[in-house]
Each structure stands twice: as C-alpha cells, then as structure tokens.
Amino acid sequence: MPTLDTVFGVHANALKLREQRMAVLASNIANASTPGYKARDIDFSSALKLAENGQSADGAMRYRTPLQPTLDGNTVELAIEQTAFAENALAYRSSLSFLQGRISTLSRALKGE
C-alpha cells in the first residue's frame, strides 16, 4: 500500500516549507523600516533535508548578511527580499500545481475514469 510520501514525493514537504519561507520573507518586507530589525531567511535545501528526516525546519533559519549595512542596524534590503519572495511564490505555485495534478489523477483512478 503506497504512503503519502510515495504518492506525493517531496512536494508535500516542499509546499509547507515554501509557505513558511513566504511568511519569513513577508515579515522581512513588512519590517524594512524598523530600526534594528534583522532580516532572516530559510535555507530551503537544508530545511527540506530536515523535513524529510521528520525534523523541524527551525535549524535551517539564517540571518541575512546585508550587502549595504544601514546606520540603524536594519538588515532588510527590499529589492533582495522582493526578489526572493517572487521566486519563492513561483516555486510554491509549481509544487501546488504538481500536487493538484497528482490528486486529480488519483481521484480519476478511484472513480474508474
């Protein structure tokens, strides 16, 4: 009997991690003007390996090193955050599309279509 891991593969974990990363990046963008705010990101490859081993992705959270430090200590660089957010959103949509296609195929197979 196939398990969810064999049916959905890495995409189920990837979708969860992409969602978490989107929240982190959105928080960075929202705090672009907050003095002392330290931008963070999730190292997706490390987080996926941790998730596949049943561990929390917290160990893959990293602080960003700014290219242009600011005087107020904020490390958010808006252009970098927006680009990372857009790339992550595209990857999220790709994983979601794969899962939707897989579920549709399984649904048709169960209905005998």
N, C-alpha and C. Protein backbone atom coordinates (compact mmCIF):
# COMPACT_ATOMS: atom_id res chain seq x y z
N MET A 1 0.85 -1.19 0.00
CA MET A 1 0.00 0.00 0.00
C MET A 1 0.89 1.25 0.00
N PRO A 2 0.70 2.13 -0.99
CA PRO A 2 1.53 3.34 -1.04
C PRO A 2 1.22 4.30 0.10
N THR A 3 2.25 4.98 0.56
CA THR A 3 2.07 6.00 1.59
C THR A 3 1.96 7.36 0.92
N LEU A 4 1.61 8.37 1.70
CA LEU A 4 1.53 9.72 1.15
C LEU A 4 2.88 10.19 0.62
N ASP A 5 3.96 9.75 1.28
CA ASP A 5 5.29 10.13 0.81
C ASP A 5 5.57 9.58 -0.57
N THR A 6 5.15 8.35 -0.83
CA THR A 6 5.41 7.78 -2.15
C THR A 6 4.46 8.35 -3.19
N VAL A 7 3.27 8.76 -2.79
CA VAL A 7 2.31 9.32 -3.73
C VAL A 7 2.66 10.77 -4.09
N PHE A 8 2.99 11.56 -3.09
CA PHE A 8 3.23 12.99 -3.31
C PHE A 8 4.71 13.35 -3.38
N GLY A 9 5.58 12.45 -2.96
CA GLY A 9 7.00 12.72 -3.02
C GLY A 9 7.40 13.89 -2.15
N VAL A 10 8.39 14.59 -2.60
CA VAL A 10 8.96 15.71 -1.86
C VAL A 10 8.05 16.94 -1.86
N HIS A 11 7.07 16.96 -2.74
CA HIS A 11 6.26 18.16 -2.92
C HIS A 11 5.41 18.55 -1.70
N ALA A 12 4.97 17.58 -0.93
CA ALA A 12 4.18 17.90 0.26
C ALA A 12 5.02 18.69 1.26
N ASN A 13 6.24 18.20 1.54
CA ASN A 13 7.14 18.93 2.45
C ASN A 13 7.56 20.26 1.84
N ALA A 14 7.83 20.26 0.55
CA ALA A 14 8.26 21.48 -0.12
C ALA A 14 7.19 22.57 -0.02
N LEU A 15 5.94 22.19 -0.17
CA LEU A 15 4.85 23.15 -0.09
C LEU A 15 4.78 23.79 1.30
N LYS A 16 4.91 22.98 2.33
CA LYS A 16 4.89 23.50 3.71
C LYS A 16 6.06 24.45 3.94
N LEU A 17 7.23 24.05 3.47
CA LEU A 17 8.42 24.89 3.67
C LEU A 17 8.34 26.18 2.87
N ARG A 18 7.82 26.11 1.66
CA ARG A 18 7.65 27.33 0.86
C ARG A 18 6.69 28.29 1.55
N GLU A 19 5.66 27.74 2.17
CA GLU A 19 4.70 28.59 2.90
C GLU A 19 5.39 29.26 4.09
N GLN A 20 6.20 28.49 4.82
CA GLN A 20 6.92 29.07 5.96
C GLN A 20 7.90 30.14 5.49
N ARG A 21 8.59 29.86 4.39
CA ARG A 21 9.56 30.83 3.87
C ARG A 21 8.85 32.09 3.41
N MET A 22 7.67 31.95 2.82
CA MET A 22 6.92 33.11 2.37
C MET A 22 6.57 34.01 3.56
N ALA A 23 6.21 33.40 4.67
CA ALA A 23 5.88 34.18 5.87
C ALA A 23 7.11 34.92 6.39
N VAL A 24 8.27 34.27 6.38
CA VAL A 24 9.51 34.90 6.84
C VAL A 24 9.87 36.07 5.93
N LEU A 25 9.79 35.86 4.62
CA LEU A 25 10.13 36.93 3.67
C LEU A 25 9.14 38.09 3.77
N ALA A 26 7.86 37.78 3.96
CA ALA A 26 6.85 38.83 4.11
C ALA A 26 7.13 39.65 5.37
N SER A 27 7.56 38.98 6.42
CA SER A 27 7.90 39.68 7.66
C SER A 27 9.10 40.61 7.44
N ASN A 28 10.07 40.14 6.67
CA ASN A 28 11.22 40.99 6.35
C ASN A 28 10.77 42.24 5.61
N ILE A 29 9.92 42.05 4.60
CA ILE A 29 9.43 43.18 3.80
C ILE A 29 8.64 44.16 4.67
N ALA A 30 7.80 43.61 5.54
CA ALA A 30 6.98 44.46 6.40
C ALA A 30 7.83 45.27 7.39
N ASN A 31 9.00 44.76 7.72
CA ASN A 31 9.87 45.44 8.70
C ASN A 31 11.05 46.16 8.05
N ALA A 32 10.92 46.50 6.79
CA ALA A 32 12.01 47.16 6.07
C ALA A 32 12.42 48.48 6.69
N SER A 33 11.52 49.13 7.41
CA SER A 33 11.83 50.43 8.03
C SER A 33 11.97 50.36 9.54
N THR A 34 11.97 49.17 10.09
CA THR A 34 12.07 49.01 11.54
C THR A 34 13.53 49.03 11.97
N PRO A 35 13.93 50.03 12.74
CA PRO A 35 15.33 50.09 13.20
C PRO A 35 15.72 48.83 13.97
N GLY A 36 16.89 48.30 13.62
CA GLY A 36 17.42 47.14 14.34
C GLY A 36 16.85 45.80 13.90
N TYR A 37 15.91 45.80 12.96
CA TYR A 37 15.32 44.53 12.52
C TYR A 37 16.35 43.73 11.73
N LYS A 38 16.47 42.46 12.02
CA LYS A 38 17.42 41.58 11.35
C LYS A 38 16.66 40.66 10.39
N ALA A 39 16.94 40.82 9.10
CA ALA A 39 16.29 40.00 8.06
C ALA A 39 16.72 38.55 8.21
N ARG A 40 15.75 37.65 8.04
CA ARG A 40 16.02 36.21 8.13
C ARG A 40 15.53 35.54 6.86
N ASP A 41 15.99 34.33 6.67
CA ASP A 41 15.53 33.52 5.55
C ASP A 41 15.70 32.06 5.94
N ILE A 42 15.04 31.20 5.21
CA ILE A 42 15.15 29.77 5.42
C ILE A 42 16.05 29.21 4.31
N ASP A 43 17.07 28.47 4.70
CA ASP A 43 17.89 27.76 3.73
C ASP A 43 17.05 26.57 3.29
N PHE A 44 16.44 26.71 2.10
CA PHE A 44 15.44 25.75 1.66
C PHE A 44 15.98 24.33 1.56
N SER A 45 17.17 24.17 1.00
CA SER A 45 17.75 22.82 0.85
C SER A 45 17.95 22.15 2.20
N SER A 46 18.50 22.89 3.14
CA SER A 46 18.70 22.33 4.49
C SER A 46 17.37 22.02 5.16
N ALA A 47 16.42 22.93 5.01
CA ALA A 47 15.10 22.74 5.62
C ALA A 47 14.41 21.50 5.05
N LEU A 48 14.54 21.29 3.75
CA LEU A 48 13.90 20.13 3.11
C LEU A 48 14.53 18.84 3.61
N LYS A 49 15.84 18.83 3.77
CA LYS A 49 16.51 17.63 4.31
C LYS A 49 16.05 17.36 5.73
N LEU A 50 15.93 18.42 6.53
CA LEU A 50 15.44 18.25 7.90
C LEU A 50 14.02 17.72 7.91
N ALA A 51 13.16 18.28 7.05
CA ALA A 51 11.76 17.86 6.99
C ALA A 51 11.63 16.39 6.55
N GLU A 52 12.47 15.98 5.61
CA GLU A 52 12.43 14.59 5.15
C GLU A 52 12.84 13.62 6.25
N ASN A 53 13.61 14.11 7.23
CA ASN A 53 14.01 13.28 8.37
C ASN A 53 13.09 13.49 9.57
N GLY A 54 11.97 14.18 9.35
CA GLY A 54 10.99 14.39 10.40
C GLY A 54 11.38 15.45 11.42
N GLN A 55 12.34 16.31 11.08
CA GLN A 55 12.79 17.34 12.00
C GLN A 55 12.20 18.69 11.62
N SER A 56 12.27 19.62 12.57
CA SER A 56 11.78 20.97 12.36
C SER A 56 12.71 21.74 11.44
N ALA A 57 12.13 22.63 10.65
CA ALA A 57 12.91 23.46 9.73
C ALA A 57 13.58 24.62 10.45
N ASP A 58 13.34 24.76 11.76
CA ASP A 58 13.93 25.88 12.51
C ASP A 58 15.45 25.89 12.41
N GLY A 59 16.05 24.71 12.29
CA GLY A 59 17.51 24.62 12.20
C GLY A 59 18.06 25.19 10.90
N ALA A 60 17.18 25.47 9.94
CA ALA A 60 17.61 26.00 8.65
C ALA A 60 17.37 27.50 8.54
N MET A 61 16.96 28.12 9.63
CA MET A 61 16.71 29.57 9.63
C MET A 61 18.05 30.29 9.76
N ARG A 62 18.25 31.27 8.90
CA ARG A 62 19.50 32.02 8.88
C ARG A 62 19.21 33.53 8.86
N TYR A 63 20.12 34.29 9.46
CA TYR A 63 20.05 35.75 9.33
C TYR A 63 20.77 36.15 8.05
N ARG A 64 20.23 37.14 7.38
CA ARG A 64 20.86 37.63 6.15
C ARG A 64 22.03 38.55 6.50
N THR A 65 23.05 38.47 5.68
CA THR A 65 24.17 39.41 5.76
C THR A 65 23.92 40.47 4.70
N PRO A 66 23.72 41.72 5.13
CA PRO A 66 23.39 42.75 4.14
C PRO A 66 24.58 43.13 3.26
N LEU A 67 24.27 43.48 2.03
CA LEU A 67 25.29 43.98 1.12
C LEU A 67 25.64 45.43 1.46
N GLN A 68 24.61 46.17 1.91
CA GLN A 68 24.78 47.59 2.26
C GLN A 68 24.22 47.79 3.67
N PRO A 69 25.05 47.66 4.71
CA PRO A 69 24.55 47.86 6.08
C PRO A 69 24.00 49.28 6.27
N THR A 70 22.99 49.39 7.10
CA THR A 70 22.40 50.70 7.39
C THR A 70 22.85 51.17 8.77
N LEU A 71 22.73 52.46 8.99
CA LEU A 71 23.14 53.02 10.27
C LEU A 71 22.23 52.61 11.41
N ASP A 72 20.95 52.33 11.10
CA ASP A 72 20.00 51.98 12.16
C ASP A 72 20.01 50.49 12.51
N GLY A 73 20.88 49.70 11.87
CA GLY A 73 21.00 48.28 12.20
C GLY A 73 20.02 47.36 11.49
N ASN A 74 19.16 47.92 10.66
CA ASN A 74 18.20 47.11 9.90
C ASN A 74 18.95 46.43 8.75
N THR A 75 18.76 45.12 8.59
CA THR A 75 19.47 44.39 7.54
C THR A 75 18.58 44.01 6.36
N VAL A 76 17.36 44.56 6.31
CA VAL A 76 16.46 44.27 5.20
C VAL A 76 16.88 45.09 3.99
N GLU A 77 17.08 44.40 2.88
CA GLU A 77 17.33 45.06 1.59
C GLU A 77 16.12 44.71 0.72
N LEU A 78 15.27 45.70 0.54
CA LEU A 78 13.95 45.48 -0.04
C LEU A 78 13.99 44.78 -1.39
N ALA A 79 14.89 45.16 -2.28
CA ALA A 79 14.96 44.54 -3.60
C ALA A 79 15.29 43.04 -3.49
N ILE A 80 16.19 42.70 -2.59
CA ILE A 80 16.55 41.28 -2.40
C ILE A 80 15.38 40.51 -1.83
N GLU A 81 14.69 41.09 -0.86
CA GLU A 81 13.54 40.42 -0.24
C GLU A 81 12.40 40.22 -1.25
N GLN A 82 12.14 41.24 -2.04
CA GLN A 82 11.07 41.14 -3.04
C GLN A 82 11.39 40.09 -4.09
N THR A 83 12.65 40.03 -4.52
CA THR A 83 13.06 39.02 -5.50
C THR A 83 12.94 37.62 -4.91
N ALA A 84 13.41 37.45 -3.69
CA ALA A 84 13.31 36.14 -3.03
C ALA A 84 11.85 35.74 -2.84
N PHE A 85 11.00 36.71 -2.49
CA PHE A 85 9.57 36.43 -2.32
C PHE A 85 8.94 35.97 -3.64
N ALA A 86 9.27 36.67 -4.73
CA ALA A 86 8.70 36.31 -6.04
C ALA A 86 9.18 34.92 -6.48
N GLU A 87 10.46 34.63 -6.30
CA GLU A 87 10.99 33.31 -6.66
C GLU A 87 10.34 32.22 -5.82
N ASN A 88 10.18 32.49 -4.54
CA ASN A 88 9.56 31.51 -3.65
C ASN A 88 8.09 31.29 -4.02
N ALA A 89 7.39 32.36 -4.37
CA ALA A 89 5.99 32.24 -4.77
C ALA A 89 5.84 31.39 -6.03
N LEU A 90 6.76 31.55 -6.96
CA LEU A 90 6.74 30.74 -8.18
C LEU A 90 6.99 29.27 -7.86
N ALA A 91 7.96 28.99 -7.01
CA ALA A 91 8.24 27.61 -6.61
C ALA A 91 7.07 27.02 -5.84
N TYR A 92 6.42 27.83 -5.00
CA TYR A 92 5.24 27.38 -4.25
C TYR A 92 4.13 26.97 -5.22
N ARG A 93 3.90 27.82 -6.21
CA ARG A 93 2.86 27.54 -7.21
C ARG A 93 3.18 26.28 -8.00
N SER A 94 4.45 26.06 -8.30
CA SER A 94 4.86 24.85 -9.03
C SER A 94 4.57 23.60 -8.22
N SER A 95 4.92 23.62 -6.95
CA SER A 95 4.65 22.47 -6.08
C SER A 95 3.15 22.25 -5.94
N LEU A 96 2.41 23.34 -5.80
CA LEU A 96 0.96 23.24 -5.67
C LEU A 96 0.34 22.65 -6.95
N SER A 97 0.81 23.08 -8.09
CA SER A 97 0.29 22.55 -9.36
C SER A 97 0.58 21.06 -9.49
N PHE A 98 1.79 20.64 -9.09
CA PHE A 98 2.13 19.22 -9.14
C PHE A 98 1.19 18.43 -8.25
N LEU A 99 0.99 18.91 -7.02
CA LEU A 99 0.11 18.20 -6.09
C LEU A 99 -1.33 18.15 -6.59
N GLN A 100 -1.81 19.24 -7.16
CA GLN A 100 -3.17 19.26 -7.70
C GLN A 100 -3.31 18.24 -8.83
N GLY A 101 -2.32 18.16 -9.70
CA GLY A 101 -2.34 17.20 -10.78
C GLY A 101 -2.32 15.77 -10.27
N ARG A 102 -1.50 15.54 -9.25
CA ARG A 102 -1.41 14.20 -8.66
C ARG A 102 -2.73 13.80 -8.01
N ILE A 103 -3.35 14.71 -7.28
CA ILE A 103 -4.63 14.44 -6.63
C ILE A 103 -5.71 14.19 -7.68
N SER A 104 -5.70 14.97 -8.74
CA SER A 104 -6.67 14.79 -9.82
C SER A 104 -6.51 13.41 -10.46
N THR A 105 -5.28 13.00 -10.69
CA THR A 105 -5.02 11.68 -11.27
C THR A 105 -5.51 10.58 -10.34
N LEU A 106 -5.22 10.70 -9.06
CA LEU A 106 -5.67 9.69 -8.09
C LEU A 106 -7.19 9.65 -8.01
N SER A 107 -7.81 10.82 -8.04
CA SER A 107 -9.27 10.91 -7.99
C SER A 107 -9.91 10.21 -9.20
N ARG A 108 -9.36 10.47 -10.37
CA ARG A 108 -9.88 9.81 -11.59
C ARG A 108 -9.68 8.30 -11.53
N ALA A 109 -8.55 7.88 -10.98
CA ALA A 109 -8.27 6.44 -10.87
C ALA A 109 -9.26 5.78 -9.90
N LEU A 110 -9.57 6.46 -8.83
CA LEU A 110 -10.53 5.91 -7.85
C LEU A 110 -11.94 5.83 -8.42
N LYS A 111 -12.28 6.80 -9.30
CA LYS A 111 -13.60 6.82 -9.91
C LYS A 111 -13.68 5.87 -11.10
N GLY A 112 -12.52 5.35 -11.52
CA GLY A 112 -12.50 4.42 -12.66
C GLY A 112 -12.58 5.11 -14.00
N GLU A 113 -12.17 6.34 -14.05
CA GLU A 113 -12.22 7.08 -15.33
C GLU A 113 -11.02 6.82 -16.17
